Amino acid sequence: MTNKEVLDALRQIKTYCAAGSLDKLNYAIKVIEKLDNDGIEKPLKTDFTKLKKAGE
């Protein structure tokens, strides 16, 4: 599954999402978009422990 496929599905879910959950769903969409924009194609298989922390 690709980030694009996940983003498409999440955007479709927004149509049926309860109003109280929209902020959380929008946050999830932004997270996946950021990962995709940063070139992380397989977030579930990425070892984030090896990434530099901000300021290092």
Protein backbone atom coordinates (compact mmCIF):
# COMPACT_ATOMS: atom_id res chain seq x y z
CA MET A 1 0.00 0.00 0.00
CA THR A 2 1.29 3.45 -0.85
CA ASN A 3 1.00 6.74 1.01
CA LYS A 4 -1.14 8.03 -1.87
CA GLU A 5 -3.59 5.16 -1.48
CA VAL A 6 -3.83 5.81 2.26
CA LEU A 7 -4.34 9.54 1.72
CA ASP A 8 -7.09 8.88 -0.84
CA ALA A 9 -8.86 6.53 1.60
CA LEU A 10 -8.57 8.96 4.51
CA ARG A 11 -9.98 11.77 2.40
CA GLN A 12 -12.93 9.56 1.43
CA ILE A 13 -13.51 8.70 5.09
CA LYS A 14 -13.76 12.43 5.89
CA THR A 15 -17.11 12.43 4.09
CA TYR A 16 -18.56 10.06 6.69
CA CYS A 17 -16.54 11.14 9.73
CA ALA A 18 -18.24 12.43 12.87
CA ALA A 19 -17.64 16.13 13.42
CA GLY A 20 -15.84 15.43 16.71
CA SER A 21 -13.25 13.32 14.92
CA LEU A 22 -12.47 15.61 11.98
CA ASP A 23 -9.53 17.31 13.71
CA LYS A 24 -7.96 13.93 14.46
CA LEU A 25 -8.52 12.69 10.92
CA ASN A 26 -7.06 15.90 9.46
CA TYR A 27 -4.02 15.45 11.72
CA ALA A 28 -3.52 11.89 10.44
CA ILE A 29 -3.74 13.14 6.86
CA LYS A 30 -1.12 15.82 7.55
CA VAL A 31 1.21 13.23 9.12
CA ILE A 32 1.00 10.92 6.10
CA GLU A 33 1.45 13.89 3.73
CA LYS A 34 4.56 14.99 5.63
CA LEU A 35 6.04 11.51 5.58
CA ASP A 36 5.35 11.26 1.86
CA ASN A 37 6.82 14.72 1.16
CA ASP A 38 9.93 13.78 3.16
CA GLY A 39 10.42 10.71 0.97
CA ILE A 40 9.36 8.09 3.51
CA GLU A 41 7.49 5.66 1.30
CA LYS A 42 7.05 2.83 3.82
CA PRO A 43 6.55 4.38 7.26
CA LEU A 44 5.72 1.06 8.92
CA LYS A 45 9.05 -0.38 7.79
CA THR A 46 11.16 2.71 8.47
CA ASP A 47 13.55 2.71 11.43
CA PHE A 48 12.94 6.17 12.86
CA THR A 49 15.41 5.58 15.70
CA LYS A 50 18.25 6.22 13.26
CA LEU A 51 16.98 9.66 12.24
CA LYS A 52 18.75 12.70 13.61
CA LYS A 53 16.92 14.65 16.25
CA ALA A 54 16.18 18.31 15.54
CA GLY A 55 19.15 20.47 16.45
CA GLU A 56 21.81 17.75 16.08
